[in-house]
Amino acid sequence: MTMWRRSSLRRLLALRALRAPAAAAVVALSAAGATGCARDAVRVELQAQESAGGDPSRLIVSAQVAGPQSGLRYRWFSVAGQFEPQESDVPTTLFTFARGTTRDRVSVEVWSDNARVAQSEIDVKVDERRARAATQPMPPVQVEITQVPPYQPDGGSETRATIGGKVSGELSPDYKIVTYARADVWYIQPSPQTLHPIRADSTWSTWTHTGSSYAALVVRTGYDPLARLDVLPQVGGDVLARSVVEGERPQ
C-alpha cells in the first residue's frame, strides 16, 4: 500500500471516529503523535488556537516539532475542513471548518525529502460561545489610552511603566481590558491571562513592561487572550473595541 493510500485510509478512519460522541467541549480536545524512537527522531504535537480575526470558524493550527528540523515539509489534512496553505515549509496553517460543521479532526504529516518522518492529529470544535457572540450586534464601545508608557523598543522583563485610559459607550460591568506591549511581537501585559477591570468612573490602568507600541482591548467576559501575538485581534466577536498607540518619545 502506498504512503498516500495509507493517508486516505487514515482519514476515512478519522471520519468514522469523529462521528462518535465527544467526551469534552473545548476547542482543542486531544493531541498525540510521533513516529520513531531513535534519539534523533522527529517528534510533533499539534496545537490549535483562535485566529486573530476573531472568526470562530477559523483556527490557527501549529505543529510543535522536536528533533532535527532542517528541510522539513508539512502536509495538512482534515475530515471536512480546508487549510491555507495545504502544504507548507513552516509548521503553521490556518484551518477553516466546513460550512455546517462544528467539529473536525486535523492532522499533519511531516516529510523530509521523500520520507514521512512524523505525524500527529488533534480533534477541534467550534467554540459555541464565540460563535454566538459573533452573530450579536456589536455594542458602541470605545477605548482610549491616555497614559502612554515610554517608547523603549527593546522592552524586557526588567522594565516597568504605567498605562491607563478611559472607556466610553454602552458598557457592561462584565467588560474587561486586555493590554499588550510590542517588542519583537505583541506580548500581553503584565502577565499571561491578565484581564483588567474597568472602574466605576469608566477608567482603567495597570503596569506594563515597556515596548515600542501599546494596545488596549475591551473584551467580553470569557475572552481567553493569547500571551503572544504577531498581529493584534481586530474588533469583532468578543473584542468590542481597540486602541493602539506608539510609546511616548523623549522631548
Protein backbone atom coordinates (compact mmCIF):
# COMPACT_ATOMS: atom_id res chain seq x y z
CA MET A 1 0.00 0.00 0.00
CA THR A 2 1.44 3.42 -0.97
CA MET A 3 2.05 6.23 1.52
CA TRP A 4 -0.80 8.31 0.07
CA ARG A 5 -3.25 5.38 0.15
CA ARG A 6 -2.40 4.84 3.82
CA SER A 7 -3.10 8.57 4.41
CA SER A 8 -6.52 8.21 2.74
CA LEU A 9 -7.34 5.16 4.84
CA ARG A 10 -6.34 7.04 7.99
CA ARG A 11 -8.62 9.97 7.09
CA LEU A 12 -11.51 7.54 6.48
CA LEU A 13 -10.97 6.02 9.92
CA ALA A 14 -10.82 9.55 11.38
CA LEU A 15 -14.21 10.35 9.84
CA ARG A 16 -15.76 7.29 11.45
CA ALA A 17 -14.23 8.13 14.82
CA LEU A 18 -15.38 11.73 14.54
CA ARG A 19 -19.00 10.62 14.39
CA ALA A 20 -18.70 9.10 17.87
CA PRO A 21 -19.82 11.30 20.84
CA ALA A 22 -17.11 13.68 22.06
CA ALA A 23 -16.02 13.47 25.69
CA ALA A 24 -15.03 17.13 26.11
CA ALA A 25 -16.19 20.53 24.89
CA VAL A 26 -13.11 22.67 24.37
CA VAL A 27 -11.51 23.97 21.20
CA ALA A 28 -8.58 21.54 21.33
CA LEU A 29 -9.83 18.24 22.72
CA SER A 30 -6.80 15.98 22.30
CA ALA A 31 -3.44 15.78 20.60
CA ALA A 32 -0.99 12.95 20.02
CA GLY A 33 1.52 11.66 17.58
CA ALA A 34 5.12 10.93 16.75
CA THR A 35 6.94 8.30 14.81
CA GLY A 36 10.19 6.58 15.52
CA CYS A 37 12.02 6.07 18.78
CA ALA A 38 15.58 6.91 17.81
CA ARG A 39 17.37 9.62 19.73
CA ASP A 40 17.32 11.93 16.70
CA ALA A 41 13.74 11.12 15.59
CA VAL A 42 11.44 13.98 14.67
CA ARG A 43 8.51 14.34 17.08
CA VAL A 44 5.48 16.56 16.56
CA GLU A 45 2.43 17.66 18.55
CA LEU A 46 -0.39 19.88 17.31
CA GLN A 47 -1.89 22.92 19.00
CA ALA A 48 -4.97 24.91 17.88
CA GLN A 49 -5.89 28.46 18.86
CA GLU A 50 -8.40 31.07 17.71
CA SER A 51 -7.46 33.17 14.72
CA ALA A 52 -6.52 36.81 15.17
CA GLY A 53 -9.62 37.98 13.30
CA GLY A 54 -11.95 36.51 15.93
CA ASP A 55 -13.83 34.26 13.46
CA PRO A 56 -14.83 31.15 15.49
CA SER A 57 -14.91 29.04 12.31
CA ARG A 58 -11.18 29.57 11.76
CA LEU A 59 -8.27 28.28 13.85
CA ILE A 60 -4.52 28.72 13.71
CA VAL A 61 -3.02 25.21 13.85
CA SER A 62 0.65 24.91 14.80
CA ALA A 63 2.97 21.91 14.84
CA GLN A 64 5.31 21.87 17.82
CA VAL A 65 8.34 20.00 16.47
CA ALA A 66 11.22 18.41 18.38
CA GLY A 67 14.28 16.84 16.80
CA PRO A 68 16.07 17.71 13.53
CA GLN A 69 14.03 20.34 11.67
CA SER A 70 16.13 21.32 8.66
CA GLY A 71 14.33 20.88 5.34
CA LEU A 72 11.04 19.65 6.79
CA ARG A 73 7.73 19.99 4.91
CA TYR A 74 4.24 19.87 6.43
CA ARG A 75 1.14 18.39 4.79
CA TRP A 76 -2.18 19.21 6.46
CA PHE A 77 -5.35 17.09 6.38
CA SER A 78 -8.82 17.09 7.93
CA VAL A 79 -12.07 15.22 7.59
CA ALA A 80 -14.07 18.08 6.05
CA GLY A 81 -12.36 21.46 6.56
CA GLN A 82 -9.86 23.43 4.49
CA PHE A 83 -6.31 24.71 5.06
CA GLU A 84 -4.43 27.79 3.93
CA PRO A 85 -1.84 26.59 2.98
CA GLN A 86 -2.49 22.86 2.42
CA GLU A 87 1.27 22.18 2.31
CA SER A 88 3.92 24.39 3.87
CA ASP A 89 7.56 24.64 4.81
CA VAL A 90 6.65 26.32 8.12
CA PRO A 91 4.80 24.45 10.89
CA THR A 92 1.66 26.65 10.88
CA THR A 93 -1.53 26.79 8.85
CA LEU A 94 -4.98 28.40 9.00
CA PHE A 95 -7.83 25.89 9.28
CA THR A 96 -11.45 26.71 8.34
CA PHE A 97 -14.33 24.46 9.39
CA ALA A 98 -16.53 23.23 6.53
CA ARG A 99 -19.87 25.03 6.26
CA GLY A 100 -22.42 23.50 8.63
CA THR A 101 -19.83 21.62 10.72
CA THR A 102 -18.76 22.37 14.28
CA ARG A 103 -16.06 19.73 14.80
CA ASP A 104 -13.32 18.08 12.81
CA ARG A 105 -10.08 16.14 13.11
CA VAL A 106 -6.93 17.88 11.93
CA SER A 107 -3.73 16.01 11.19
CA VAL A 108 -0.26 16.81 9.93
CA GLU A 109 2.34 14.71 8.17
CA VAL A 110 5.95 15.85 8.49
CA TRP A 111 8.13 15.00 5.48
CA SER A 112 11.87 15.10 4.92
CA ASP A 113 12.78 14.63 1.24
CA ASN A 114 10.54 11.72 0.15
CA ALA A 115 10.05 10.16 3.60
CA ARG A 116 7.35 10.81 6.18
CA VAL A 117 9.21 11.24 9.47
CA ALA A 118 6.40 12.13 11.90
CA GLN A 119 2.65 12.67 12.15
CA SER A 120 0.14 13.99 14.67
CA GLU A 121 -3.56 14.77 14.93
CA ILE A 122 -5.90 16.82 17.06
CA ASP A 123 -9.68 16.98 17.47
CA VAL A 124 -11.09 20.51 17.19
CA LYS A 125 -14.51 22.07 17.56
CA VAL A 126 -16.11 25.47 17.13
CA ASP A 127 -16.33 27.48 20.35
CA GLU A 128 -20.12 27.87 20.55
CA ARG A 129 -19.97 30.85 22.89
CA ARG A 130 -17.72 32.74 20.47
CA ALA A 131 -19.94 31.71 17.58
CA ARG A 132 -23.00 33.19 19.32
CA ALA A 133 -21.09 36.37 20.15
CA ALA A 134 -20.05 36.75 16.51
CA THR A 135 -23.71 36.92 15.46
CA GLN A 136 -24.72 39.52 18.06
CA PRO A 137 -24.75 43.25 17.25
CA MET A 138 -21.58 45.00 18.39
CA PRO A 139 -22.30 47.47 21.21
CA PRO A 140 -21.00 51.01 20.65
CA VAL A 141 -17.87 50.96 22.83
CA GLN A 142 -14.66 52.99 22.51
CA VAL A 143 -11.37 52.80 24.44
CA GLU A 144 -8.65 55.44 24.80
CA ILE A 145 -5.08 55.19 26.06
CA THR A 146 -4.48 58.48 27.87
CA GLN A 147 -1.47 57.48 29.98
CA VAL A 148 1.12 56.35 27.43
CA PRO A 149 4.25 54.46 28.53
CA PRO A 150 7.66 55.41 27.10
CA TYR A 151 8.99 54.34 23.71
CA GLN A 152 11.50 51.61 24.56
CA PRO A 153 11.56 49.20 21.61
CA ASP A 154 13.82 46.64 23.28
CA GLY A 155 11.40 46.22 26.19
CA GLY A 156 12.29 43.40 28.53
CA SER A 157 11.20 41.78 31.77
CA GLU A 158 13.15 44.28 33.89
CA THR A 159 11.25 47.31 32.58
CA ARG A 160 8.13 48.78 34.11
CA ALA A 161 5.74 51.65 33.38
CA THR A 162 2.08 52.60 33.84
CA ILE A 163 -0.56 52.51 31.11
CA GLY A 164 -4.12 53.75 31.56
CA GLY A 165 -7.11 55.20 29.83
CA LYS A 166 -10.86 55.56 29.61
CA VAL A 167 -13.74 53.57 28.09
CA SER A 168 -16.96 55.11 26.76
CA GLY A 169 -20.20 53.92 25.18
CA GLU A 170 -22.66 51.24 26.26
CA LEU A 171 -20.71 49.49 28.98
CA SER A 172 -21.40 46.33 30.96
CA PRO A 173 -19.88 45.58 34.37
CA ASP A 174 -18.58 42.34 32.85
CA TYR A 175 -16.37 44.02 30.24
CA LYS A 176 -12.63 43.89 30.85
CA ILE A 177 -9.43 45.43 29.46
CA VAL A 178 -6.56 43.46 27.91
CA THR A 179 -3.27 45.29 27.32
CA TYR A 180 -0.32 44.44 25.05
CA ALA A 181 3.15 45.90 24.54
CA ARG A 182 5.13 45.38 21.36
CA ALA A 183 8.81 44.43 21.32
CA ASP A 184 9.62 41.93 18.53
CA VAL A 185 5.93 40.85 18.68
CA TRP A 186 2.94 41.77 20.87
CA TYR A 187 3.09 40.45 24.47
CA ILE A 188 0.16 40.54 26.88
CA GLN A 189 0.75 42.77 29.93
CA PRO A 190 1.79 42.47 32.58
CA SER A 191 1.44 38.65 32.66
CA PRO A 192 -0.40 35.90 30.73
CA GLN A 193 -4.21 35.63 31.04
CA THR A 194 -4.45 39.07 32.70
CA LEU A 195 -7.82 40.87 32.39
CA HIS A 196 -8.07 44.35 33.94
CA PRO A 197 -11.29 45.76 35.44
CA ILE A 198 -12.97 48.94 34.24
CA ARG A 199 -13.63 51.21 37.22
CA ALA A 200 -16.98 52.77 38.06
CA ASP A 201 -15.80 56.07 36.52
CA SER A 202 -15.01 54.17 33.26
CA THR A 203 -11.23 54.48 33.69
CA TRP A 204 -8.65 51.69 33.79
CA SER A 205 -4.92 51.37 34.45
CA THR A 206 -2.21 48.79 35.02
CA TRP A 207 1.55 48.48 34.99
CA THR A 208 3.27 47.11 31.90
CA HIS A 209 6.65 46.11 30.58
CA THR A 210 7.78 48.63 28.01
CA GLY A 211 7.95 48.39 24.23
CA SER A 212 7.71 50.41 21.05
CA SER A 213 3.89 50.45 20.94
CA TYR A 214 0.98 49.65 23.23
CA ALA A 215 -2.55 48.35 22.75
CA ALA A 216 -5.72 48.14 24.84
CA LEU A 217 -8.70 45.92 24.02
CA VAL A 218 -12.19 45.95 25.55
CA VAL A 219 -13.37 42.34 25.71
CA ARG A 220 -16.40 40.37 26.82
CA THR A 221 -16.45 38.06 29.82
CA GLY A 222 -14.92 34.72 28.94
CA TYR A 223 -12.44 36.08 26.41
CA ASP A 224 -9.26 34.00 26.51
CA PRO A 225 -6.39 36.26 25.41
CA LEU A 226 -3.24 34.90 23.80
CA ALA A 227 0.01 35.71 25.57
CA ARG A 228 1.96 36.36 22.34
CA LEU A 229 0.66 37.71 19.04
CA ASP A 230 2.19 38.60 15.70
CA VAL A 231 -0.98 40.53 14.80
CA LEU A 232 -3.48 42.07 17.22
CA PRO A 233 -7.12 40.88 17.12
CA GLN A 234 -9.50 43.00 15.08
CA VAL A 235 -12.73 44.31 16.61
CA GLY A 236 -15.40 41.61 16.38
CA GLY A 237 -16.85 38.75 18.41
CA ASP A 238 -15.52 39.06 21.97
CA VAL A 239 -13.29 42.05 21.12
CA LEU A 240 -15.52 45.14 21.41
CA ALA A 241 -13.01 47.98 20.98
CA ARG A 242 -9.29 48.50 20.37
CA SER A 243 -6.79 51.32 20.68
CA VAL A 244 -3.12 51.26 19.60
CA VAL A 245 -0.54 53.98 20.31
CA GLU A 246 3.17 54.40 19.86
CA GLY A 247 5.22 54.83 23.03
CA GLU A 248 5.92 58.33 24.34
CA ARG A 249 9.23 59.57 22.93
CA PRO A 250 11.51 61.95 24.86
CA GLN A 251 11.01 65.62 24.03
